[in-house]
């Protein structure tokens, strides 16, 4: 993917593997809300967690796309 002295390692990582970031984070947040509901008895945690997981997915998806545009346009090849 890149050599160790690449100053843009994280950007290149997001470009290469950015498709996994939004769903993994959204599912992790949803699982956390289910755990809060089951372990602590807060039933409102499930719908709030589901709404926040959907919002987080959209935000991270747009972030990945923005990073890809920036890398394509501004970083040297």
PDB file of N, CA and C in Angstrom:
ATOM      1  N   UNK A   1       0.825  -1.179   0.000  1.00  0.00           N
ATOM      2  CA  UNK A   1       0.000   0.000   0.000  1.00  0.00           C
ATOM      3  C   UNK A   1       0.870   1.244   0.000  1.00  0.00           C
ATOM      4  N   UNK A   2       1.687   1.427   1.013  1.00  0.00           N
ATOM      5  CA  UNK A   2       2.576   2.582   1.065  1.00  0.00           C
ATOM      6  C   UNK A   2       3.835   2.187   1.831  1.00  0.00           C
ATOM      7  N   UNK A   3       4.871   2.947   1.645  1.00  0.00           N
ATOM      8  CA  UNK A   3       6.112   2.649   2.349  1.00  0.00           C
ATOM      9  C   UNK A   3       6.094   3.311   3.735  1.00  0.00           C
ATOM     10  N   UNK A   4       6.950   2.885   4.646  1.00  0.00           N
ATOM     11  CA  UNK A   4       6.898   3.355   6.044  1.00  0.00           C
ATOM     12  C   UNK A   4       7.138   4.850   6.226  1.00  0.00           C
ATOM     13  N   UNK A   5       7.812   5.500   5.310  1.00  0.00           N
ATOM     14  CA  UNK A   5       8.100   6.920   5.456  1.00  0.00           C
ATOM     15  C   UNK A   5       7.060   7.818   4.786  1.00  0.00           C
ATOM     16  N   UNK A   6       5.956   7.259   4.370  1.00  0.00           N
ATOM     17  CA  UNK A   6       4.896   8.026   3.739  1.00  0.00           C
ATOM     18  C   UNK A   6       4.267   8.976   4.764  1.00  0.00           C
ATOM     19  N   UNK A   7       4.244  10.285   4.502  1.00  0.00           N
ATOM     20  CA  UNK A   7       3.683  11.226   5.484  1.00  0.00           C
ATOM     21  C   UNK A   7       2.165  11.187   5.550  1.00  0.00           C
ATOM     22  N   UNK A   8       1.515  10.519   4.613  1.00  0.00           N
ATOM     23  CA  UNK A   8       0.051  10.478   4.561  1.00  0.00           C
ATOM     24  C   UNK A   8      -0.469   9.052   4.743  1.00  0.00           C
ATOM     25  N   UNK A   9       0.084   8.342   5.708  1.00  0.00           N
ATOM     26  CA  UNK A   9      -0.293   6.941   5.917  1.00  0.00           C
ATOM     27  C   UNK A   9      -1.767   6.789   6.273  1.00  0.00           C
ATOM     28  N   UNK A  10      -2.285   7.641   7.152  1.00  0.00           N
ATOM     29  CA  UNK A  10      -3.670   7.513   7.588  1.00  0.00           C
ATOM     30  C   UNK A  10      -4.629   7.834   6.444  1.00  0.00           C
ATOM     31  N   UNK A  11      -4.306   8.860   5.670  1.00  0.00           N
ATOM     32  CA  UNK A  11      -5.159   9.177   4.523  1.00  0.00           C
ATOM     33  C   UNK A  11      -5.183   8.026   3.525  1.00  0.00           C
ATOM     34  N   UNK A  12      -4.027   7.431   3.265  1.00  0.00           N
ATOM     35  CA  UNK A  12      -3.979   6.293   2.347  1.00  0.00           C
ATOM     36  C   UNK A  12      -4.710   5.086   2.918  1.00  0.00           C
ATOM     37  N   UNK A  13      -4.666   4.918   4.226  1.00  0.00           N
ATOM     38  CA  UNK A  13      -5.407   3.828   4.863  1.00  0.00           C
ATOM     39  C   UNK A  13      -6.916   4.043   4.727  1.00  0.00           C
ATOM     40  N   UNK A  14      -7.365   5.274   4.921  1.00  0.00           N
ATOM     41  CA  UNK A  14      -8.787   5.570   4.781  1.00  0.00           C
ATOM     42  C   UNK A  14      -9.241   5.381   3.337  1.00  0.00           C
ATOM     43  N   UNK A  15      -8.412   5.762   2.395  1.00  0.00           N
ATOM     44  CA  UNK A  15      -8.760   5.565   0.991  1.00  0.00           C
ATOM     45  C   UNK A  15      -8.848   4.077   0.659  1.00  0.00           C
ATOM     46  N   UNK A  16      -7.902   3.306   1.159  1.00  0.00           N
ATOM     47  CA  UNK A  16      -7.864   1.882   0.818  1.00  0.00           C
ATOM     48  C   UNK A  16      -8.930   1.063   1.549  1.00  0.00           C
ATOM     49  N   UNK A  17      -9.163   1.354   2.809  1.00  0.00           N
ATOM     50  CA  UNK A  17     -10.059   0.529   3.616  1.00  0.00           C
ATOM     51  C   UNK A  17     -11.220   1.312   4.212  1.00  0.00           C
ATOM     52  N   UNK A  18     -11.551   2.430   3.610  1.00  0.00           N
ATOM     53  CA  UNK A  18     -12.589   3.292   4.147  1.00  0.00           C
ATOM     54  C   UNK A  18     -13.995   2.729   4.069  1.00  0.00           C
ATOM     55  N   UNK A  19     -14.208   1.741   3.219  1.00  0.00           N
ATOM     56  CA  UNK A  19     -15.549   1.163   3.104  1.00  0.00           C
ATOM     57  C   UNK A  19     -15.948   0.383   4.347  1.00  0.00           C
ATOM     58  N   UNK A  20     -14.989  -0.058   5.145  1.00  0.00           N
ATOM     59  CA  UNK A  20     -15.302  -0.815   6.356  1.00  0.00           C
ATOM     60  C   UNK A  20     -15.569   0.072   7.566  1.00  0.00           C
ATOM     61  N   UNK A  21     -15.033   1.267   7.567  1.00  0.00           N
ATOM     62  CA  UNK A  21     -15.127   2.132   8.736  1.00  0.00           C
ATOM     63  C   UNK A  21     -16.564   2.498   9.126  1.00  0.00           C
ATOM     64  N   UNK A  22     -17.410   3.009   8.236  1.00  0.00           N
ATOM     65  CA  UNK A  22     -18.757   3.404   8.659  1.00  0.00           C
ATOM     66  C   UNK A  22     -19.629   2.261   9.180  1.00  0.00           C
ATOM     67  N   UNK A  23     -19.722   1.128   8.486  1.00  0.00           N
ATOM     68  CA  UNK A  23     -20.598   0.082   9.030  1.00  0.00           C
ATOM     69  C   UNK A  23     -20.086  -0.527  10.332  1.00  0.00           C
ATOM     70  N   UNK A  24     -18.785  -0.662  10.474  1.00  0.00           N
ATOM     71  CA  UNK A  24     -18.239  -1.240  11.710  1.00  0.00           C
ATOM     72  C   UNK A  24     -18.529  -0.333  12.901  1.00  0.00           C
ATOM     73  N   UNK A  25     -18.316   0.961  12.736  1.00  0.00           N
ATOM     74  CA  UNK A  25     -18.585   1.895  13.834  1.00  0.00           C
ATOM     75  C   UNK A  25     -20.075   1.970  14.152  1.00  0.00           C
ATOM     76  N   UNK A  26     -20.920   1.958  13.128  1.00  0.00           N
ATOM     77  CA  UNK A  26     -22.362   2.021  13.359  1.00  0.00           C
ATOM     78  C   UNK A  26     -22.867   0.767  14.063  1.00  0.00           C
ATOM     79  N   UNK A  27     -22.391  -0.387  13.657  1.00  0.00           N
ATOM     80  CA  UNK A  27     -22.801  -1.630  14.317  1.00  0.00           C
ATOM     81  C   UNK A  27     -22.281  -1.674  15.751  1.00  0.00           C
ATOM     82  N   UNK A  28     -21.082  -1.183  15.980  1.00  0.00           N
ATOM     83  CA  UNK A  28     -20.542  -1.146  17.344  1.00  0.00           C
ATOM     84  C   UNK A  28     -21.403  -0.258  18.239  1.00  0.00           C
ATOM     85  N   UNK A  29     -21.832   0.886  17.734  1.00  0.00           N
ATOM     86  CA  UNK A  29     -22.699   1.772  18.518  1.00  0.00           C
ATOM     87  C   UNK A  29     -24.056   1.129  18.768  1.00  0.00           C
ATOM     88  N   UNK A  30     -24.586   0.438  17.776  1.00  0.00           N
ATOM     89  CA  UNK A  30     -25.865  -0.255  17.958  1.00  0.00           C
ATOM     90  C   UNK A  30     -25.745  -1.368  18.991  1.00  0.00           C
ATOM     91  N   UNK A  31     -24.660  -2.125  18.938  1.00  0.00           N
ATOM     92  CA  UNK A  31     -24.445  -3.171  19.939  1.00  0.00           C
ATOM     93  C   UNK A  31     -24.266  -2.593  21.335  1.00  0.00           C
ATOM     94  N   UNK A  32     -23.618  -1.451  21.431  1.00  0.00           N
ATOM     95  CA  UNK A  32     -23.472  -0.785  22.720  1.00  0.00           C
ATOM     96  C   UNK A  32     -24.829  -0.359  23.273  1.00  0.00           C
ATOM     97  N   UNK A  33     -25.691   0.143  22.419  1.00  0.00           N
ATOM     98  CA  UNK A  33     -27.018   0.543  22.893  1.00  0.00           C
ATOM     99  C   UNK A  33     -27.846  -0.666  23.312  1.00  0.00           C
ATOM    100  N   UNK A  34     -27.700  -1.782  22.619  1.00  0.00           N
ATOM    101  CA  UNK A  34     -28.391  -3.010  23.032  1.00  0.00           C
ATOM    102  C   UNK A  34     -27.864  -3.477  24.377  1.00  0.00           C
ATOM    103  N   UNK A  35     -26.557  -3.400  24.580  1.00  0.00           N
ATOM    104  CA  UNK A  35     -25.974  -3.794  25.864  1.00  0.00           C
ATOM    105  C   UNK A  35     -26.468  -2.890  26.990  1.00  0.00           C
ATOM    106  N   UNK A  36     -26.550  -1.598  26.736  1.00  0.00           N
ATOM    107  CA  UNK A  36     -27.054  -0.669  27.758  1.00  0.00           C
ATOM    108  C   UNK A  36     -28.497  -0.994  28.093  1.00  0.00           C
ATOM    109  N   UNK A  37     -29.278  -1.322  27.088  1.00  0.00           N
ATOM    110  CA  UNK A  37     -30.677  -1.673  27.316  1.00  0.00           C
ATOM    111  C   UNK A  37     -30.796  -2.943  28.155  1.00  0.00           C
ATOM    112  N   UNK A  38     -30.029  -3.963  27.801  1.00  0.00           N
ATOM    113  CA  UNK A  38     -30.140  -5.238  28.506  1.00  0.00           C
ATOM    114  C   UNK A  38     -29.477  -5.211  29.881  1.00  0.00           C
ATOM    115  N   UNK A  39     -28.347  -4.579  30.009  1.00  0.00           N
ATOM    116  CA  UNK A  39     -27.605  -4.617  31.266  1.00  0.00           C
ATOM    117  C   UNK A  39     -28.124  -3.625  32.299  1.00  0.00           C
ATOM    118  N   UNK A  40     -28.608  -2.496  31.821  1.00  0.00           N
ATOM    119  CA  UNK A  40     -28.979  -1.451  32.760  1.00  0.00           C
ATOM    120  C   UNK A  40     -30.467  -1.148  32.778  1.00  0.00           C
ATOM    121  N   UNK A  41     -31.208  -1.718  31.869  1.00  0.00           N
ATOM    122  CA  UNK A  41     -32.654  -1.570  31.873  1.00  0.00           C
ATOM    123  C   UNK A  41     -33.163  -0.228  31.373  1.00  0.00           C
ATOM    124  N   UNK A  42     -32.449   0.407  30.461  1.00  0.00           N
ATOM    125  CA  UNK A  42     -32.913   1.659  29.867  1.00  0.00           C
ATOM    126  C   UNK A  42     -33.474   1.358  28.478  1.00  0.00           C
ATOM    127  N   UNK A  43     -34.791   1.177  28.372  1.00  0.00           N
ATOM    128  CA  UNK A  43     -35.346   0.808  27.064  1.00  0.00           C
ATOM    129  C   UNK A  43     -35.225   1.920  26.017  1.00  0.00           C
ATOM    130  N   UNK A  44     -35.052   3.146  26.455  1.00  0.00           N
ATOM    131  CA  UNK A  44     -34.908   4.235  25.494  1.00  0.00           C
ATOM    132  C   UNK A  44     -33.541   4.197  24.799  1.00  0.00           C
ATOM    133  N   UNK A  45     -32.621   3.425  25.334  1.00  0.00           N
ATOM    134  CA  UNK A  45     -31.282   3.339  24.750  1.00  0.00           C
ATOM    135  C   UNK A  45     -31.317   2.706  23.357  1.00  0.00           C
ATOM    136  N   UNK A  46     -32.254   1.802  23.120  1.00  0.00           N
ATOM    137  CA  UNK A  46     -32.289   1.117  21.824  1.00  0.00           C
ATOM    138  C   UNK A  46     -32.695   2.046  20.677  1.00  0.00           C
ATOM    139  N   UNK A  47     -33.809   2.780  20.755  1.00  0.00           N
ATOM    140  CA  UNK A  47     -34.119   3.679  19.629  1.00  0.00           C
ATOM    141  C   UNK A  47     -33.135   4.839  19.496  1.00  0.00           C
ATOM    142  N   UNK A  48     -32.661   5.346  20.621  1.00  0.00           N
ATOM    143  CA  UNK A  48     -31.676   6.429  20.554  1.00  0.00           C
ATOM    144  C   UNK A  48     -30.381   5.909  19.939  1.00  0.00           C
ATOM    145  N   UNK A  49     -29.951   4.727  20.339  1.00  0.00           N
ATOM    146  CA  UNK A  49     -28.749   4.136  19.774  1.00  0.00           C
ATOM    147  C   UNK A  49     -28.885   3.833  18.293  1.00  0.00           C
ATOM    148  N   UNK A  50     -30.067   3.388  17.877  1.00  0.00           N
ATOM    149  CA  UNK A  50     -30.286   3.109  16.462  1.00  0.00           C
ATOM    150  C   UNK A  50     -30.245   4.400  15.638  1.00  0.00           C
ATOM    151  N   UNK A  51     -30.844   5.456  16.154  1.00  0.00           N
ATOM    152  CA  UNK A  51     -30.815   6.735  15.440  1.00  0.00           C
ATOM    153  C   UNK A  51     -29.393   7.289  15.375  1.00  0.00           C
ATOM    154  N   UNK A  52     -28.671   7.206  16.483  1.00  0.00           N
ATOM    155  CA  UNK A  52     -27.288   7.692  16.488  1.00  0.00           C
ATOM    156  C   UNK A  52     -26.388   6.839  15.595  1.00  0.00           C
ATOM    157  N   UNK A  53     -26.638   5.534  15.531  1.00  0.00           N
ATOM    158  CA  UNK A  53     -25.847   4.667  14.661  1.00  0.00           C
ATOM    159  C   UNK A  53     -26.076   5.020  13.191  1.00  0.00           C
ATOM    160  N   UNK A  54     -27.320   5.302  12.831  1.00  0.00           N
ATOM    161  CA  UNK A  54     -27.608   5.700  11.451  1.00  0.00           C
ATOM    162  C   UNK A  54     -26.935   7.040  11.125  1.00  0.00           C
ATOM    163  N   UNK A  55     -27.002   7.982  12.059  1.00  0.00           N
ATOM    164  CA  UNK A  55     -26.365   9.278  11.855  1.00  0.00           C
ATOM    165  C   UNK A  55     -24.842   9.132  11.759  1.00  0.00           C
ATOM    166  N   UNK A  56     -24.268   8.311  12.624  1.00  0.00           N
ATOM    167  CA  UNK A  56     -22.832   8.079  12.587  1.00  0.00           C
ATOM    168  C   UNK A  56     -22.406   7.446  11.270  1.00  0.00           C
ATOM    169  N   UNK A  57     -23.207   6.514  10.762  1.00  0.00           N
ATOM    170  CA  UNK A  57     -22.905   5.889   9.480  1.00  0.00           C
ATOM    171  C   UNK A  57     -22.851   6.937   8.367  1.00  0.00           C
ATOM    172  N   UNK A  58     -23.848   7.817   8.341  1.00  0.00           N
ATOM    173  CA  UNK A  58     -23.887   8.841   7.292  1.00  0.00           C
ATOM    174  C   UNK A  58     -22.711   9.814   7.403  1.00  0.00           C
ATOM    175  N   UNK A  59     -22.396  10.221   8.616  1.00  0.00           N
ATOM    176  CA  UNK A  59     -21.292  11.153   8.814  1.00  0.00           C
ATOM    177  C   UNK A  59     -19.963  10.512   8.405  1.00  0.00           C
ATOM    178  N   UNK A  60     -19.720   9.279   8.842  1.00  0.00           N
ATOM    179  CA  UNK A  60     -18.458   8.620   8.503  1.00  0.00           C
ATOM    180  C   UNK A  60     -18.372   8.297   7.016  1.00  0.00           C
ATOM    181  N   UNK A  61     -19.505   7.955   6.410  1.00  0.00           N
ATOM    182  CA  UNK A  61     -19.510   7.678   4.971  1.00  0.00           C
ATOM    183  C   UNK A  61     -19.117   8.939   4.193  1.00  0.00           C
ATOM    184  N   UNK A  62     -19.672  10.075   4.598  1.00  0.00           N
ATOM    185  CA  UNK A  62     -19.330  11.319   3.913  1.00  0.00           C
ATOM    186  C   UNK A  62     -17.872  11.706   4.186  1.00  0.00           C
ATOM    187  N   UNK A  63     -17.377  11.420   5.379  1.00  0.00           N
ATOM    188  CA  UNK A  63     -15.978  11.713   5.696  1.00  0.00           C
ATOM    189  C   UNK A  63     -15.041  10.901   4.808  1.00  0.00           C
ATOM    190  N   UNK A  64     -15.340   9.637   4.623  1.00  0.00           N
ATOM    191  CA  UNK A  64     -14.507   8.786   3.768  1.00  0.00           C
ATOM    192  C   UNK A  64     -14.517   9.311   2.338  1.00  0.00           C
ATOM    193  N   UNK A  65     -15.682   9.690   1.855  1.00  0.00           N
ATOM    194  CA  UNK A  65     -15.753  10.226   0.498  1.00  0.00           C
ATOM    195  C   UNK A  65     -14.984  11.540   0.382  1.00  0.00           C
ATOM    196  N   UNK A  66     -15.067  12.379   1.395  1.00  0.00           N
ATOM    197  CA  UNK A  66     -14.339  13.641   1.383  1.00  0.00           C
ATOM    198  C   UNK A  66     -12.831  13.405   1.380  1.00  0.00           C
ATOM    199  N   UNK A  67     -12.369  12.465   2.170  1.00  0.00           N
ATOM    200  CA  UNK A  67     -10.941  12.138   2.187  1.00  0.00           C
ATOM    201  C   UNK A  67     -10.506  11.604   0.830  1.00  0.00           C
ATOM    202  N   UNK A  68     -11.334  10.801   0.198  1.00  0.00           N
ATOM    203  CA  UNK A  68     -10.976  10.281  -1.131  1.00  0.00           C
ATOM    204  C   UNK A  68     -10.871  11.400  -2.162  1.00  0.00           C
ATOM    205  N   UNK A  69     -11.774  12.358  -2.102  1.00  0.00           N
ATOM    206  CA  UNK A  69     -11.710  13.483  -3.031  1.00  0.00           C
ATOM    207  C   UNK A  69     -10.448  14.299  -2.783  1.00  0.00           C
ATOM    208  N   UNK A  70     -10.149  14.550  -1.531  1.00  0.00           N
ATOM    209  CA  UNK A  70      -8.952  15.327  -1.192  1.00  0.00           C
ATOM    210  C   UNK A  70      -7.691  14.611  -1.666  1.00  0.00           C
ATOM    211  N   UNK A  71      -7.617  13.328  -1.427  1.00  0.00           N
ATOM    212  CA  UNK A  71      -6.436  12.578  -1.847  1.00  0.00           C
ATOM    213  C   UNK A  71      -6.315  12.558  -3.353  1.00  0.00           C
ATOM    214  N   UNK A  72      -7.416  12.382  -4.068  1.00  0.00           N
ATOM    215  CA  UNK A  72      -7.361  12.352  -5.533  1.00  0.00           C
ATOM    216  C   UNK A  72      -6.947  13.689  -6.116  1.00  0.00           C
ATOM    217  N   UNK A  73      -7.378  14.770  -5.494  1.00  0.00           N
ATOM    218  CA  UNK A  73      -7.133  16.082  -6.086  1.00  0.00           C
ATOM    219  C   UNK A  73      -5.844  16.748  -5.598  1.00  0.00           C
ATOM    220  N   UNK A  74      -5.484  16.556  -4.339  1.00  0.00           N
ATOM    221  CA  UNK A  74      -4.416  17.372  -3.781  1.00  0.00           C
ATOM    222  C   UNK A  74      -3.097  16.656  -3.511  1.00  0.00           C
ATOM    223  N   UNK A  75      -3.145  15.389  -3.215  1.00  0.00           N
ATOM    224  CA  UNK A  75      -1.890  14.715  -2.885  1.00  0.00           C
ATOM    225  C   UNK A  75      -1.147  14.301  -4.145  1.00  0.00           C
ATOM    226  N   UNK A  76       0.167  14.384  -4.109  1.00  0.00           N
ATOM    227  CA  UNK A  76       0.946  13.971  -5.278  1.00  0.00           C
ATOM    228  C   UNK A  76       0.869  12.460  -5.460  1.00  0.00           C
ATOM    229  N   UNK A  77       0.904  12.061  -6.677  1.00  0.00           N
ATOM    230  CA  UNK A  77       0.796  10.626  -7.004  1.00  0.00           C
ATOM    231  C   UNK A  77       2.169   9.984  -7.047  1.00  0.00           C
TER     232      UNK A  77
END
